[in-house]
Amino acid sequence: MSWTRPAVAGSGAPSARCAHSAELAGKLFIFGGWNGQRMLNDCSVLHLGTRALSAAPVLRSCSLRCSCG
């Protein structure tokens, strides 16, 4: 068994991170997390049927603290 990177279209691919949230609701939403230097407050959406990535607007900032590692 091995990991492969699927072909996707569009932009908005999330950067490497930990402690993020992911939700599957017809689409895969990936929000926030920690990139090793700072908390992230972004949202990426993967449209599963088309494998198209896009960035979603974030209307409020998140002030949660994280400890990864």
Protein backbone atom coordinates (compact mmCIF):
# COMPACT_ATOMS: atom_id res chain seq x y z
CA MET A 1 0.00 0.00 0.00
CA SER A 2 1.27 3.47 -0.82
CA TRP A 3 -0.01 7.05 -0.83
CA THR A 4 -0.57 8.77 -4.14
CA ARG A 5 -1.33 12.40 -4.93
CA PRO A 6 -4.59 12.64 -6.91
CA ALA A 7 -4.86 14.95 -9.88
CA VAL A 8 -6.97 17.97 -8.95
CA ALA A 9 -7.96 21.16 -10.75
CA GLY A 10 -8.12 24.70 -9.47
CA SER A 11 -6.34 26.47 -6.67
CA GLY A 12 -6.86 26.67 -2.96
CA ALA A 13 -4.96 23.54 -1.93
CA PRO A 14 -4.26 23.73 1.79
CA SER A 15 -0.67 24.00 2.94
CA ALA A 16 0.86 21.39 5.26
CA ARG A 17 -0.68 21.65 8.74
CA CYS A 18 -1.76 19.87 11.89
CA ALA A 19 -4.70 20.38 14.26
CA HIS A 20 -7.03 21.39 11.42
CA SER A 21 -10.73 20.61 11.09
CA ALA A 22 -12.18 18.65 8.21
CA GLU A 23 -15.84 18.13 7.38
CA LEU A 24 -17.36 15.95 4.68
CA ALA A 25 -20.73 17.34 3.60
CA GLY A 26 -21.00 16.59 -0.11
CA LYS A 27 -17.64 18.39 -0.39
CA LEU A 28 -14.52 18.13 1.76
CA PHE A 29 -13.90 21.31 3.79
CA ILE A 30 -10.52 21.81 5.49
CA PHE A 31 -10.29 24.69 7.96
CA GLY A 32 -7.50 26.24 9.98
CA GLY A 33 -4.81 24.43 11.89
CA TRP A 34 -1.17 25.05 12.76
CA ASN A 35 1.69 25.21 10.23
CA GLY A 36 4.51 25.01 12.77
CA GLN A 37 4.83 28.79 13.04
CA ARG A 38 1.34 30.23 13.39
CA MET A 39 -2.36 29.43 13.58
CA LEU A 40 -4.10 29.32 10.21
CA ASN A 41 -7.51 30.81 9.50
CA ASP A 42 -8.20 29.62 5.97
CA CYS A 43 -10.67 27.24 4.37
CA SER A 44 -10.16 25.00 1.33
CA VAL A 45 -12.91 23.04 -0.41
CA LEU A 46 -12.47 19.89 -2.49
CA HIS A 47 -15.45 19.23 -4.75
CA LEU A 48 -15.38 15.43 -4.78
CA GLY A 49 -17.23 14.80 -8.04
CA THR A 50 -14.93 17.00 -10.12
CA ARG A 51 -11.81 16.94 -7.89
CA ALA A 52 -11.74 20.72 -8.14
CA LEU A 53 -10.15 22.74 -5.32
CA SER A 54 -11.19 26.21 -4.30
CA ALA A 55 -10.67 28.59 -1.42
CA ALA A 56 -13.72 29.50 0.64
CA PRO A 57 -14.16 32.83 2.41
CA VAL A 58 -13.73 32.88 6.19
CA LEU A 59 -16.07 35.39 7.77
CA ARG A 60 -14.65 35.43 11.31
CA SER A 61 -11.22 34.78 12.74
CA CYS A 62 -10.45 31.95 15.11
CA SER A 63 -8.47 32.63 18.29
CA LEU A 64 -7.94 29.05 19.46
CA ARG A 65 -4.58 27.93 20.79
CA CYS A 66 -2.90 24.79 19.53
CA SER A 67 -0.07 22.55 20.61
CA CYS A 68 1.11 20.09 17.99
CA GLY A 69 4.11 18.08 17.76
